[in-house]
Amino acid sequence: MFGLNDEERAIVRVVAEFVDREVRPVARELEHADAYPEALIERMKRLGVFGLAVPAPYGESAVSKRCYALVTEELARGWMSLAGAFGGHTVVSHLLATFGTEEQKDRYLPRMATGELRATMALTEPSGGSDLQAMTTTARRDGAFYTVDGAKMWITNARRSGLIALLCKTDPDAVPRHKGISILLVEPGPGLTVSRDLPKLGYKGVETCELAFDGLRVPAGAVLGGAEGRGFAQMMKGLEVGRIQVAARALGVGRAALEDSLRYARQREAFGKPIWRHQSVGNMLADMATQLRAARLLTLDAAERLDAGERCDMEAGMAKLHASETAMRIALDAVRIHGAAGYSTEFDVERYFRDAPLMIVGEGTNEIQRGVIVKQLVERGRV
């Protein structure tokens, strides 16, 4: 398993068994009902999944980012929404473990490790999209508090999270703009409203919401790391984890689509033989498997660099870009292989086809990833 130690191999196996035994048998029904998977989330808590990014002494099961990516892939193979239910949580865990003050770590990380406290991050705004520096949400200092006003959009787990890593402007007049951006560790309270759940093509079961901040009072000690103006750089480091996580979600969706297609192609016969023996179908399966393996290696390369403490914004961007585009192609080919059955809601293939586009636009669109990659190619001066 790509250089994992024995304990990490065991963790991946346990999650894979959980997916096969408990997730896949119910995922289709839950997804079609758009029902929140309460029982599965509770089981994930007991398995320690929510603590995978929480280091000792705050948690007991922190793992390498390679292991984290493979666990994410297994969850997404069962139902991509489950991977989303803990994705933002682990990015916030990483932000706290890397940049948080000792008081902030003590306050949040032990409860986050068990899943008692779940976290999410709030970056995107209704009119901002990927241009984070153009945000209009502000936190103005007022004595021992900040007063927060503004709005955020596309926030996963917003109704069930007890902690929000909020990217906002503490100095709207700063030049350059990123110098005025901070991350506030926000807990729900008066002045914060989850205004609505946003309807989605896929990614069902977990809520994705719009947040409204209207005079929310937040203690001054809630600034991540204790100092203003560092939030943009902090979040960019957090997004390295986020993009590896999104790439791993894409791996899971692509793998599920490939496995279902291979199974169907072996069982389905046409013109007197299994359809995988027909060259057009066999070629698709071969390409799907090759592209998926390449995407996995890119993802694990980025994770390994992050584990080594190396800069990996380019590598994480490459992994996210290639894995998400691969998942989309594999999902479409899976529909083709299944024929009419691939268009039916009685098969899981149509779900993969609806879930795959999220990874193309989530955690920074693939157009943004290409910009990150080429900028780093030029700055680094080498490939």
Protein backbone atom coordinates (compact mmCIF):
# COMPACT_ATOMS: atom_id res chain seq x y z
CA MET A 1 0.00 0.00 0.00
CA PHE A 2 2.41 2.66 -1.27
CA GLY A 3 4.80 2.73 1.68
CA LEU A 4 2.30 2.72 4.55
CA ASN A 5 3.34 1.22 7.87
CA ASP A 6 1.50 -1.76 9.32
CA GLU A 7 -0.84 0.35 11.45
CA GLU A 8 -1.80 2.53 8.50
CA ARG A 9 -2.40 -0.52 6.31
CA ALA A 10 -4.73 -1.87 8.98
CA ILE A 11 -6.63 1.45 9.11
CA VAL A 12 -7.18 1.45 5.33
CA ARG A 13 -8.37 -2.18 5.47
CA VAL A 14 -10.80 -1.45 8.31
CA VAL A 15 -12.30 1.49 6.39
CA ALA A 16 -12.52 -0.61 3.20
CA GLU A 17 -14.38 -3.33 5.09
CA PHE A 18 -16.72 -0.73 6.60
CA VAL A 19 -17.45 0.59 3.10
CA ASP A 20 -18.17 -2.87 1.67
CA ARG A 21 -20.23 -4.07 4.61
CA GLU A 22 -22.13 -0.96 5.71
CA VAL A 23 -21.91 1.82 3.12
CA ARG A 24 -22.39 0.32 -0.33
CA PRO A 25 -25.57 -1.63 0.61
CA VAL A 26 -27.36 1.60 1.67
CA ALA A 27 -25.69 4.38 -0.33
CA ARG A 28 -28.07 4.32 -3.29
CA GLU A 29 -31.18 4.54 -1.12
CA LEU A 30 -29.74 7.32 1.07
CA GLU A 31 -28.53 9.27 -1.93
CA HIS A 32 -31.84 9.13 -3.77
CA ALA A 33 -33.65 10.21 -0.61
CA ASP A 34 -31.06 12.97 -0.02
CA ALA A 35 -30.99 11.66 3.56
CA TYR A 36 -28.28 12.58 6.03
CA PRO A 37 -26.31 9.40 6.90
CA GLU A 38 -26.44 9.77 10.69
CA ALA A 39 -25.71 6.11 11.47
CA LEU A 40 -22.75 5.98 9.06
CA ILE A 41 -21.29 9.20 10.47
CA GLU A 42 -21.53 7.81 14.00
CA ARG A 43 -19.77 4.67 12.84
CA MET A 44 -17.01 6.78 11.28
CA LYS A 45 -16.56 8.52 14.62
CA ARG A 46 -16.11 5.19 16.37
CA LEU A 47 -13.61 4.10 13.74
CA GLY A 48 -11.53 7.22 14.44
CA VAL A 49 -11.86 8.65 10.94
CA PHE A 50 -12.42 12.21 12.17
CA GLY A 51 -9.14 12.15 14.07
CA LEU A 52 -6.87 11.13 11.19
CA ALA A 53 -5.40 14.64 10.90
CA VAL A 54 -5.15 15.33 14.65
CA PRO A 55 -1.66 14.69 16.06
CA ALA A 56 -0.72 13.56 19.56
CA PRO A 57 -1.24 14.54 22.31
CA TYR A 58 -4.61 15.81 21.08
CA GLY A 59 -5.56 12.67 19.17
CA GLU A 60 -4.59 9.03 19.02
CA SER A 61 -4.78 8.07 15.35
CA ALA A 62 -2.99 10.73 13.27
CA VAL A 63 -1.68 9.17 10.07
CA SER A 64 0.46 10.17 7.11
CA LYS A 65 -1.20 12.16 4.36
CA ARG A 66 -0.76 9.12 2.09
CA CYS A 67 -2.86 7.04 4.46
CA TYR A 68 -5.35 9.89 4.74
CA ALA A 69 -5.67 9.99 0.94
CA LEU A 70 -6.25 6.24 0.69
CA VAL A 71 -8.87 6.33 3.47
CA THR A 72 -10.61 9.15 1.62
CA GLU A 73 -10.53 7.10 -1.58
CA GLU A 74 -12.16 4.13 0.20
CA LEU A 75 -14.94 6.29 1.64
CA ALA A 76 -15.62 7.93 -1.74
CA ARG A 77 -15.65 4.51 -3.37
CA GLY A 78 -18.62 3.70 -1.16
CA TRP A 79 -20.34 7.08 -1.31
CA MET A 80 -18.57 10.32 -2.15
CA SER A 81 -20.76 12.27 0.27
CA LEU A 82 -19.19 10.44 3.21
CA ALA A 83 -15.75 11.67 2.18
CA GLY A 84 -17.20 15.18 2.04
CA ALA A 85 -18.63 14.81 5.53
CA PHE A 86 -15.13 14.78 7.00
CA GLY A 87 -13.09 16.54 4.31
CA GLY A 88 -13.38 20.13 5.55
CA HIS A 89 -13.12 18.87 9.12
CA THR A 90 -9.67 17.44 8.46
CA VAL A 91 -8.48 20.59 6.69
CA VAL A 92 -9.45 22.62 9.77
CA SER A 93 -7.70 20.03 11.95
CA HIS A 94 -4.55 20.52 9.87
CA LEU A 95 -4.82 24.31 10.11
CA LEU A 96 -5.17 24.16 13.89
CA ALA A 97 -2.35 21.65 14.33
CA THR A 98 -0.03 23.71 12.10
CA PHE A 99 -0.89 27.30 12.99
CA GLY A 100 -3.06 27.28 16.11
CA THR A 101 -2.00 28.68 19.47
CA GLU A 102 -1.64 26.20 22.31
CA GLU A 103 -4.91 27.48 23.76
CA GLN A 104 -6.69 26.96 20.44
CA LYS A 105 -5.28 23.45 20.07
CA ASP A 106 -6.30 22.50 23.61
CA ARG A 107 -9.77 23.94 23.13
CA TYR A 108 -10.67 22.23 19.87
CA LEU A 109 -8.41 19.38 18.76
CA PRO A 110 -9.25 16.72 21.40
CA ARG A 111 -12.97 17.00 20.63
CA MET A 112 -12.33 17.16 16.90
CA ALA A 113 -10.30 13.94 17.09
CA THR A 114 -13.31 12.01 18.39
CA GLY A 115 -15.82 13.70 16.10
CA GLU A 116 -17.64 15.16 19.11
CA LEU A 117 -16.86 18.55 17.59
CA ARG A 118 -17.05 18.75 13.82
CA ALA A 119 -15.56 21.59 11.83
CA THR A 120 -15.90 23.16 8.43
CA MET A 121 -14.26 26.01 6.55
CA ALA A 122 -15.95 29.01 4.97
CA LEU A 123 -14.13 30.60 2.04
CA THR A 124 -16.37 31.09 -0.99
CA GLU A 125 -18.74 34.05 -1.25
CA PRO A 126 -21.84 34.49 -3.42
CA SER A 127 -20.06 36.85 -5.84
CA GLY A 128 -16.44 35.87 -5.18
CA GLY A 129 -15.95 32.33 -6.43
CA SER A 130 -12.28 31.45 -6.68
CA ASP A 131 -11.08 35.05 -6.21
CA LEU A 132 -10.66 34.78 -2.44
CA GLN A 133 -8.86 38.11 -2.09
CA ALA A 134 -11.97 39.86 -3.41
CA MET A 135 -14.06 38.72 -0.44
CA THR A 136 -16.31 41.25 1.29
CA THR A 137 -16.91 39.46 4.62
CA THR A 138 -15.30 41.60 7.32
CA ALA A 139 -14.38 41.21 10.98
CA ARG A 140 -13.88 44.58 12.63
CA ARG A 141 -12.08 44.80 15.97
CA ASP A 142 -14.19 46.22 18.79
CA GLY A 143 -12.27 45.98 22.04
CA ALA A 144 -12.03 42.34 23.10
CA PHE A 145 -14.21 41.18 20.19
CA TYR A 146 -14.57 41.19 16.43
CA THR A 147 -17.89 41.99 14.79
CA VAL A 148 -18.41 39.86 11.68
CA ASP A 149 -20.61 40.85 8.74
CA GLY A 150 -20.96 39.25 5.32
CA ALA A 151 -21.97 36.02 3.62
CA LYS A 152 -20.42 32.72 2.57
CA MET A 153 -21.72 30.13 0.13
CA TRP A 154 -21.28 26.43 -0.72
CA ILE A 155 -20.37 25.53 2.87
CA THR A 156 -20.56 21.78 3.44
CA ASN A 157 -21.71 20.50 6.86
CA ALA A 158 -22.72 24.02 7.85
CA ARG A 159 -25.69 22.91 9.95
CA ARG A 160 -23.83 20.23 11.88
CA SER A 161 -20.47 21.86 12.49
CA GLY A 162 -19.66 23.43 15.83
CA LEU A 163 -16.60 25.24 14.51
CA ILE A 164 -16.09 27.27 11.34
CA ALA A 165 -12.69 28.35 10.04
CA LEU A 166 -13.86 31.64 8.54
CA LEU A 167 -11.69 33.44 6.00
CA CYS A 168 -12.44 37.15 6.27
CA LYS A 169 -10.95 40.63 6.10
CA THR A 170 -9.76 42.09 9.38
CA ASP A 171 -8.20 45.02 7.50
CA PRO A 172 -10.24 45.76 4.35
CA ASP A 173 -7.89 48.61 3.37
CA ALA A 174 -4.67 46.57 3.44
CA VAL A 175 -2.33 46.69 0.43
CA PRO A 176 -1.67 44.14 -0.91
CA ARG A 177 -5.12 42.74 -0.17
CA HIS A 178 -3.95 39.40 1.22
CA LYS A 179 -2.21 41.21 4.10
CA GLY A 180 -5.62 42.14 5.50
CA ILE A 181 -7.04 38.61 5.53
CA SER A 182 -7.31 36.45 8.65
CA ILE A 183 -8.90 33.16 9.69
CA LEU A 184 -11.32 33.39 12.60
CA LEU A 185 -12.32 30.28 14.55
CA VAL A 186 -16.04 30.89 14.75
CA GLU A 187 -18.59 29.01 16.83
CA PRO A 188 -22.34 29.27 16.03
CA GLY A 189 -24.22 31.95 17.91
CA PRO A 190 -26.44 35.03 17.56
CA GLY A 191 -25.58 36.84 14.37
CA LEU A 192 -24.81 33.69 12.36
CA THR A 193 -27.62 32.25 10.26
CA VAL A 194 -27.57 29.19 8.03
CA SER A 195 -29.93 30.82 5.57
CA ARG A 196 -30.63 27.96 3.18
CA ASP A 197 -29.52 24.58 1.87
CA LEU A 198 -28.38 24.76 -1.74
CA PRO A 199 -29.86 22.24 -4.23
CA LYS A 200 -27.23 20.16 -6.04
CA LEU A 201 -26.91 17.84 -9.03
CA GLY A 202 -25.13 15.24 -6.90
CA TYR A 203 -23.26 15.13 -3.60
CA LYS A 204 -26.51 14.33 -1.84
CA GLY A 205 -27.10 13.52 1.81
CA VAL A 206 -24.77 16.14 3.31
CA GLU A 207 -25.90 19.73 3.45
CA THR A 208 -24.24 22.51 1.46
CA CYS A 209 -25.41 25.90 2.68
CA GLU A 210 -25.31 29.66 2.50
CA LEU A 211 -24.20 31.45 5.68
CA ALA A 212 -25.14 34.99 6.69
CA PHE A 213 -23.13 36.95 9.26
CA ASP A 214 -24.91 39.95 10.75
CA GLY A 215 -23.12 41.44 13.72
CA LEU A 216 -21.74 38.13 14.99
CA ARG A 217 -19.48 38.77 18.00
CA VAL A 218 -16.31 36.68 18.08
CA PRO A 219 -13.62 36.88 20.82
CA ALA A 220 -10.34 38.49 19.75
CA GLY A 221 -8.55 35.27 20.73
CA ALA A 222 -10.32 33.46 17.89
CA VAL A 223 -7.80 34.64 15.27
CA LEU A 224 -5.97 31.52 14.10
CA GLY A 225 -2.42 31.68 15.42
CA GLY A 226 -3.15 34.81 17.44
CA ALA A 227 -2.11 37.39 14.83
CA GLU A 228 -4.06 39.17 12.10
CA GLY A 229 -3.08 39.24 8.45
CA ARG A 230 -1.77 35.70 8.11
CA GLY A 231 -5.02 34.03 7.07
CA PHE A 232 -4.52 33.93 3.32
CA ALA A 233 -1.14 32.20 3.57
CA GLN A 234 -2.49 29.85 6.23
CA MET A 235 -5.47 28.88 4.10
CA MET A 236 -3.28 28.28 1.04
CA LYS A 237 -1.34 25.73 3.09
CA GLY A 238 -4.61 24.21 4.27
CA LEU A 239 -5.78 23.92 0.69
CA GLU A 240 -2.80 21.72 -0.12
CA VAL A 241 -4.45 19.15 2.15
CA GLY A 242 -7.86 20.03 0.73
CA ARG A 243 -6.78 19.46 -2.85
CA ILE A 244 -5.15 16.15 -2.01
CA GLN A 245 -8.41 15.20 -0.30
CA VAL A 246 -10.51 16.22 -3.33
CA ALA A 247 -8.17 14.28 -5.61
CA ALA A 248 -8.64 11.24 -3.38
CA ARG A 249 -12.41 11.66 -3.55
CA ALA A 250 -12.13 11.63 -7.33
CA LEU A 251 -10.07 8.44 -7.10
CA GLY A 252 -12.83 6.81 -5.10
CA VAL A 253 -15.55 7.79 -7.57
CA GLY A 254 -13.42 6.71 -10.52
CA ARG A 255 -12.53 3.43 -8.87
CA ALA A 256 -16.16 2.63 -8.07
CA ALA A 257 -17.15 3.39 -11.66
CA LEU A 258 -14.33 1.21 -13.01
CA GLU A 259 -15.08 -1.70 -10.68
CA ASP A 260 -18.79 -1.60 -11.53
CA SER A 261 -17.96 -1.43 -15.23
CA LEU A 262 -15.54 -4.34 -15.09
CA ARG A 263 -18.07 -6.45 -13.21
CA TYR A 264 -20.83 -5.58 -15.69
CA ALA A 265 -18.58 -6.19 -18.73
CA ARG A 266 -17.77 -9.68 -17.49
CA GLN A 267 -21.42 -10.57 -16.91
CA ARG A 268 -23.10 -8.88 -19.86
CA GLU A 269 -22.94 -10.76 -23.15
CA ALA A 270 -23.47 -9.48 -26.68
CA PHE A 271 -23.01 -11.38 -29.93
CA GLY A 272 -22.19 -14.54 -28.02
CA LYS A 273 -19.41 -13.31 -25.74
CA PRO A 274 -18.85 -11.06 -22.68
CA ILE A 275 -18.74 -7.46 -23.78
CA TRP A 276 -15.22 -6.90 -22.39
CA ARG A 277 -14.00 -9.13 -25.23
CA HIS A 278 -15.28 -6.59 -27.74
CA GLN A 279 -12.34 -4.33 -28.51
CA SER A 280 -14.21 -1.05 -28.06
CA VAL A 281 -15.27 -1.97 -24.52
CA GLY A 282 -11.97 -3.62 -23.65
CA ASN A 283 -10.05 -0.52 -24.74
CA MET A 284 -12.23 1.69 -22.57
CA LEU A 285 -11.61 -0.51 -19.53
CA ALA A 286 -7.86 -0.53 -20.17
CA ASP A 287 -7.76 3.26 -20.49
CA MET A 288 -9.92 3.75 -17.39
CA ALA A 289 -7.59 1.59 -15.28
CA THR A 290 -4.45 3.27 -16.63
CA GLN A 291 -5.75 6.78 -16.07
CA LEU A 292 -6.93 5.91 -12.56
CA ARG A 293 -3.55 4.50 -11.57
CA ALA A 294 -1.75 7.56 -12.91
CA ALA A 295 -4.11 9.79 -10.92
CA ARG A 296 -3.47 7.78 -7.75
CA LEU A 297 0.30 8.05 -8.15
CA LEU A 298 0.06 11.82 -8.64
CA THR A 299 -2.09 12.09 -5.52
CA LEU A 300 0.23 9.99 -3.39
CA ASP A 301 3.25 11.91 -4.67
CA ALA A 302 1.68 15.17 -3.47
CA ALA A 303 0.78 13.55 -0.14
CA GLU A 304 4.33 12.25 0.30
CA ARG A 305 5.75 15.72 -0.29
CA LEU A 306 3.38 17.16 2.30
CA ASP A 307 4.43 14.46 4.78
CA ALA A 308 8.07 15.44 4.18
CA GLY A 309 7.33 19.09 4.92
CA GLU A 310 7.98 20.15 1.34
CA ARG A 311 6.02 22.71 -0.63
CA CYS A 312 3.42 20.89 -2.71
CA ASP A 313 0.97 23.46 -4.08
CA MET A 314 1.93 22.56 -7.65
CA GLU A 315 1.88 18.82 -6.98
CA ALA A 316 -1.46 19.00 -5.12
CA GLY A 317 -2.86 21.09 -7.98
CA MET A 318 -1.66 18.53 -10.53
CA ALA A 319 -3.20 15.70 -8.51
CA LYS A 320 -6.52 17.46 -8.11
CA LEU A 321 -6.61 18.49 -11.77
CA HIS A 322 -5.76 15.09 -13.21
CA ALA A 323 -7.75 12.98 -10.74
CA SER A 324 -10.93 15.00 -11.13
CA GLU A 325 -10.79 15.07 -14.93
CA THR A 326 -10.03 11.34 -14.87
CA ALA A 327 -13.01 10.62 -12.62
CA MET A 328 -15.28 12.51 -15.01
CA ARG A 329 -14.01 10.57 -18.03
CA ILE A 330 -14.26 7.23 -16.24
CA ALA A 331 -17.79 8.00 -15.05
CA LEU A 332 -18.88 8.83 -18.61
CA ASP A 333 -17.23 5.70 -20.00
CA ALA A 334 -18.96 3.68 -17.28
CA VAL A 335 -22.32 4.97 -18.55
CA ARG A 336 -21.33 3.96 -22.09
CA ILE A 337 -20.29 0.47 -20.99
CA HIS A 338 -23.54 -0.04 -19.08
CA GLY A 339 -25.62 1.27 -21.98
CA ALA A 340 -29.21 2.04 -21.02
CA ALA A 341 -28.58 0.57 -17.56
CA GLY A 342 -26.00 3.30 -16.98
CA TYR A 343 -28.73 5.90 -17.36
CA SER A 344 -31.02 4.15 -14.90
CA THR A 345 -31.30 5.15 -11.24
CA GLU A 346 -31.41 1.43 -10.42
CA PHE A 347 -27.64 1.35 -10.99
CA ASP A 348 -24.96 3.34 -9.18
CA VAL A 349 -23.27 4.48 -12.38
CA GLU A 350 -25.58 7.45 -12.84
CA ARG A 351 -24.64 8.61 -9.31
CA TYR A 352 -20.94 8.55 -10.14
CA PHE A 353 -21.67 10.63 -13.23
CA ARG A 354 -23.47 13.23 -11.10
CA ASP A 355 -20.86 13.24 -8.30
CA ALA A 356 -17.74 13.50 -10.48
CA PRO A 357 -18.18 17.15 -11.61
CA LEU A 358 -17.97 18.40 -8.02
CA MET A 359 -14.26 17.56 -7.88
CA ILE A 360 -13.66 19.56 -11.06
CA VAL A 361 -15.07 22.77 -9.54
CA GLY A 362 -14.52 22.17 -5.81
CA GLU A 363 -11.53 23.34 -3.74
CA GLY A 364 -10.52 25.71 -6.52
CA THR A 365 -11.68 25.07 -10.07
CA ASN A 366 -9.42 23.17 -12.44
CA GLU A 367 -8.86 26.42 -14.32
CA ILE A 368 -7.41 27.82 -11.07
CA GLN A 369 -5.26 24.68 -10.69
CA ARG A 370 -3.77 25.20 -14.13
CA GLY A 371 -2.87 28.75 -13.13
CA VAL A 372 -1.18 27.50 -9.94
CA ILE A 373 0.75 24.86 -11.88
CA VAL A 374 2.09 27.16 -14.60
CA LYS A 375 3.02 29.85 -12.08
CA GLN A 376 5.04 27.33 -10.10
CA LEU A 377 6.66 25.96 -13.26
CA VAL A 378 7.91 29.45 -14.05
CA GLU A 379 8.93 30.33 -10.48
CA ARG A 380 10.73 27.07 -9.81
CA GLY A 381 12.46 27.18 -13.17
CA ARG A 382 12.42 23.42 -13.53
CA VAL A 383 10.04 20.51 -13.89
